[in-house]
């Protein structure tokens, strides 16, 4: 299993090879949670993450990956993200076989050569705005197939989605409790629709920071037990 550093996720034992994990939210924080989760995976495992459809991940590309943001918070995020261990590509792969062929070619590029001997830990694929007339249901079934054939967990970020997708092995639903302010409610839902875990950031050990200047972590993080 891929470790995340988030106790409430790791105890669910859901980020296993071949699993599809869905992150859903009608709030700004859903993308922040996904980015924090990506960094948690990189912090607790030796390898790299493949980020597909990167241009639908607005926070990550608008000054974080490219290091040219004049925004103070985005500059801080950029410093805290293991960018060298994120292989980012645009678009969703056509199918698992295409991705199997493409992946070795991508890591041979000069920019990503340092990843050739590293392990692929997970694939992250935002599907907020789908291209090529692909429906959300079709895309998630395709991502589940990729997870099983490449034998890695796939994390699917689905902004504004309300459906519990049968293809997903676990869905994390984010809700901003007071409008778009903290605390953030995170509910883990099984494919049957049953809630298996629920936690609120800033209520227990899971923390959420609205202003990154006041924190040396990313938005979501677990406090270290002393």
Protein backbone atom coordinates (compact mmCIF):
# COMPACT_ATOMS: atom_id res chain seq x y z
CA UNK A 1 0.00 0.00 0.00
CA UNK A 2 1.12 3.56 -0.75
CA UNK A 3 1.45 5.60 2.44
CA UNK A 4 0.08 9.14 2.52
CA UNK A 5 1.08 10.43 5.96
CA UNK A 6 -2.60 11.05 6.70
CA UNK A 7 -3.56 8.60 9.44
CA UNK A 8 -7.29 8.59 8.64
CA UNK A 9 -6.52 7.60 5.03
CA UNK A 10 -3.75 5.10 5.72
CA UNK A 11 -5.92 3.27 8.27
CA UNK A 12 -8.50 2.67 5.52
CA UNK A 13 -5.85 0.76 3.53
CA UNK A 14 -7.35 2.07 0.27
CA UNK A 15 -4.37 3.35 -1.74
CA UNK A 16 -3.44 -0.10 -2.98
CA UNK A 17 -2.15 -1.06 -6.41
CA UNK A 18 -5.05 -1.28 -8.85
CA UNK A 19 -7.41 0.89 -6.79
CA UNK A 20 -9.20 4.01 -8.02
CA UNK A 21 -9.62 6.77 -5.43
CA UNK A 22 -12.01 9.66 -6.12
CA UNK A 23 -11.69 13.11 -4.51
CA UNK A 24 -14.85 15.17 -4.85
CA UNK A 25 -15.82 18.60 -3.60
CA UNK A 26 -17.92 21.65 -4.31
CA UNK A 27 -15.37 23.84 -2.55
CA UNK A 28 -12.01 25.41 -3.36
CA UNK A 29 -10.28 23.14 -0.88
CA UNK A 30 -10.84 19.95 -2.87
CA UNK A 31 -7.89 20.77 -5.12
CA UNK A 32 -5.79 21.87 -2.15
CA UNK A 33 -6.50 18.53 -0.50
CA UNK A 34 -5.43 16.67 -3.64
CA UNK A 35 -2.15 18.62 -3.82
CA UNK A 36 -1.46 18.00 -0.12
CA UNK A 37 -2.19 14.29 -0.67
CA UNK A 38 0.23 14.18 -3.61
CA UNK A 39 2.99 15.69 -1.48
CA UNK A 40 2.16 13.34 1.40
CA UNK A 41 2.68 10.38 -0.92
CA UNK A 42 6.03 11.78 -2.11
CA UNK A 43 7.10 12.42 1.50
CA UNK A 44 6.38 8.87 2.66
CA UNK A 45 7.46 6.77 -0.34
CA UNK A 46 10.45 6.59 -2.67
CA UNK A 47 9.30 7.28 -6.21
CA UNK A 48 7.34 9.70 -8.37
CA UNK A 49 3.78 10.66 -9.29
CA UNK A 50 2.36 10.94 -12.79
CA UNK A 51 0.03 13.95 -13.04
CA UNK A 52 -2.28 13.69 -16.04
CA UNK A 53 -4.56 16.42 -17.41
CA UNK A 54 -2.46 18.99 -15.57
CA UNK A 55 -4.13 22.04 -17.12
CA UNK A 56 -7.34 21.21 -15.26
CA UNK A 57 -5.42 21.48 -11.99
CA UNK A 58 -5.51 25.27 -11.76
CA UNK A 59 -3.74 25.81 -8.43
CA UNK A 60 -0.87 23.51 -9.36
CA UNK A 61 -0.04 25.03 -12.73
CA UNK A 62 -0.69 28.71 -11.97
CA UNK A 63 2.71 29.48 -10.56
CA UNK A 64 3.49 26.32 -8.54
CA UNK A 65 5.10 23.95 -11.06
CA UNK A 66 6.65 26.67 -13.20
CA UNK A 67 8.22 28.72 -10.35
CA UNK A 68 7.22 32.11 -11.79
CA UNK A 69 4.37 33.15 -9.53
CA UNK A 70 4.41 36.56 -7.87
CA UNK A 71 1.81 35.40 -5.37
CA UNK A 72 3.40 34.84 -1.94
CA UNK A 73 1.36 31.76 -1.06
CA UNK A 74 1.97 30.11 -4.43
CA UNK A 75 5.69 30.76 -4.11
CA UNK A 76 5.60 29.05 -0.71
CA UNK A 77 3.68 26.08 -2.14
CA UNK A 78 6.20 25.81 -4.96
CA UNK A 79 9.02 25.53 -2.42
CA UNK A 80 7.16 22.83 -0.48
CA UNK A 81 6.22 20.63 -3.44
CA UNK A 82 8.63 17.93 -4.64
CA UNK A 83 8.30 19.14 -8.22
CA UNK A 84 11.19 17.02 -9.50
CA UNK A 85 9.20 13.92 -8.58
CA UNK A 86 6.05 14.92 -10.46
CA UNK A 87 5.92 13.87 -14.11
CA UNK A 88 3.21 16.15 -15.50
CA UNK A 89 1.44 15.66 -18.82
CA UNK A 90 -1.62 17.24 -20.40
CA UNK A 91 -4.68 15.30 -21.44
CA UNK A 92 -6.02 11.93 -20.34
CA UNK A 93 -4.44 8.79 -21.83
CA UNK A 94 -6.52 7.03 -24.47
CA UNK A 95 -6.20 3.69 -22.68
CA UNK A 96 -3.90 1.68 -20.43
CA UNK A 97 -1.94 0.15 -23.32
CA UNK A 98 -1.11 3.60 -24.73
CA UNK A 99 0.05 4.73 -21.29
CA UNK A 100 2.23 1.63 -20.88
CA UNK A 101 4.02 2.53 -24.11
CA UNK A 102 4.19 6.27 -23.42
CA UNK A 103 5.48 6.19 -19.85
CA UNK A 104 8.98 4.79 -20.62
CA UNK A 105 9.32 7.35 -23.44
CA UNK A 106 8.35 10.26 -21.18
CA UNK A 107 10.94 9.42 -18.54
CA UNK A 108 13.64 9.31 -21.22
CA UNK A 109 13.12 13.01 -21.91
CA UNK A 110 15.90 15.20 -20.54
CA UNK A 111 13.56 16.90 -18.07
CA UNK A 112 12.49 13.59 -16.50
CA UNK A 113 15.56 11.37 -16.92
CA UNK A 114 16.15 11.38 -13.15
CA UNK A 115 12.89 9.38 -12.78
CA UNK A 116 13.95 6.43 -14.95
CA UNK A 117 15.11 4.31 -12.01
CA UNK A 118 12.35 5.44 -9.66
CA UNK A 119 9.08 3.68 -8.95
CA UNK A 120 5.74 5.06 -10.17
CA UNK A 121 3.82 5.53 -6.90
CA UNK A 122 0.47 6.81 -8.14
CA UNK A 123 -1.32 8.53 -11.01
CA UNK A 124 -3.34 11.71 -10.34
CA UNK A 125 -5.87 12.70 -12.98
CA UNK A 126 -8.19 15.72 -12.56
CA UNK A 127 -11.24 15.34 -14.78
CA UNK A 128 -13.07 18.58 -14.01
CA UNK A 129 -13.19 19.58 -17.68
CA UNK A 130 -13.12 16.55 -19.93
CA UNK A 131 -11.93 16.72 -23.50
CA UNK A 132 -12.67 14.70 -26.62
CA UNK A 133 -16.33 14.25 -25.59
CA UNK A 134 -15.43 11.78 -22.87
CA UNK A 135 -18.07 11.48 -20.15
CA UNK A 136 -17.14 11.42 -16.47
CA UNK A 137 -18.35 7.82 -16.15
CA UNK A 138 -16.30 6.71 -19.17
CA UNK A 139 -13.21 8.52 -17.88
CA UNK A 140 -13.40 6.92 -14.44
CA UNK A 141 -13.86 3.44 -15.92
CA UNK A 142 -10.81 4.10 -18.11
CA UNK A 143 -8.80 5.24 -15.06
CA UNK A 144 -9.82 2.13 -13.13
CA UNK A 145 -8.55 0.02 -16.03
CA UNK A 146 -5.25 1.97 -15.98
CA UNK A 147 -4.91 1.41 -12.22
CA UNK A 148 -5.29 -2.35 -12.65
CA UNK A 149 -3.05 -2.76 -15.70
CA UNK A 150 -0.26 -0.47 -14.46
CA UNK A 151 -0.71 -1.91 -10.95
CA UNK A 152 -0.69 1.47 -9.18
CA UNK A 153 -3.36 3.49 -7.34
CA UNK A 154 -5.04 6.18 -9.42
CA UNK A 155 -6.41 9.31 -7.74
CA UNK A 156 -9.20 10.98 -9.69
CA UNK A 157 -10.01 14.59 -8.71
CA UNK A 158 -13.62 15.38 -9.66
CA UNK A 159 -14.71 18.93 -8.85
CA UNK A 160 -18.47 19.45 -8.53
CA UNK A 161 -19.23 15.74 -8.95
CA UNK A 162 -21.97 14.43 -6.67
CA UNK A 163 -22.21 10.83 -7.85
CA UNK A 164 -20.60 7.98 -5.92
CA UNK A 165 -18.94 6.15 -8.77
CA UNK A 166 -19.08 2.38 -8.71
CA UNK A 167 -15.64 2.25 -10.37
CA UNK A 168 -14.04 4.01 -7.39
CA UNK A 169 -12.75 1.86 -4.52
CA UNK A 170 -13.06 4.84 -2.16
CA UNK A 171 -14.46 8.36 -2.53
CA UNK A 172 -13.38 11.28 -0.38
CA UNK A 173 -16.05 13.99 -0.34
CA UNK A 174 -15.03 17.45 0.88
CA UNK A 175 -17.48 19.98 2.26
CA UNK A 176 -16.65 23.47 3.50
CA UNK A 177 -18.62 23.74 6.73
CA UNK A 178 -19.17 27.51 6.97
CA UNK A 179 -19.56 28.48 3.36
CA UNK A 180 -16.02 28.41 2.00
CA UNK A 181 -14.33 28.77 5.37
CA UNK A 182 -12.79 26.25 7.71
CA UNK A 183 -13.34 23.67 9.11
CA UNK A 184 -13.48 21.26 6.19
CA UNK A 185 -15.53 18.08 6.52
CA UNK A 186 -13.98 15.03 4.80
CA UNK A 187 -16.14 11.96 4.37
CA UNK A 188 -14.80 8.63 3.08
CA UNK A 189 -17.52 6.76 1.18
CA UNK A 190 -17.44 3.16 -0.08
CA UNK A 191 -18.78 2.16 -3.53
CA UNK A 192 -22.01 1.08 -1.82
CA UNK A 193 -22.55 4.66 -0.67
CA UNK A 194 -21.89 3.92 2.98
CA UNK A 195 -19.76 6.33 5.01
CA UNK A 196 -16.76 4.44 6.38
CA UNK A 197 -14.91 7.37 7.93
CA UNK A 198 -15.54 11.04 8.63
CA UNK A 199 -13.15 13.69 9.92
CA UNK A 200 -13.07 17.46 10.17
CA UNK A 201 -9.88 19.37 9.52
CA UNK A 202 -8.89 21.60 12.47
CA UNK A 203 -11.12 19.59 14.82
CA UNK A 204 -8.74 16.69 15.40
CA UNK A 205 -5.13 15.99 14.40
CA UNK A 206 -5.83 16.79 10.74
CA UNK A 207 -5.12 20.47 10.16
CA UNK A 208 -6.13 22.86 7.43
CA UNK A 209 -4.47 26.24 6.97
CA UNK A 210 -6.14 29.02 5.03
CA UNK A 211 -3.07 31.27 5.01
CA UNK A 212 0.09 29.36 4.17
CA UNK A 213 2.39 32.11 5.41
CA UNK A 214 1.45 31.05 8.95
CA UNK A 215 2.27 27.39 8.38
CA UNK A 216 5.34 25.39 7.31
CA UNK A 217 3.17 22.65 5.75
CA UNK A 218 0.76 22.56 2.84
CA UNK A 219 -2.96 23.25 3.33
CA UNK A 220 -3.79 19.84 4.83
CA UNK A 221 -1.41 18.07 7.20
CA UNK A 222 -1.39 15.89 10.30
CA UNK A 223 0.16 17.28 13.43
CA UNK A 224 3.10 15.27 14.73
CA UNK A 225 2.36 13.48 17.98
CA UNK A 226 4.93 14.53 20.60
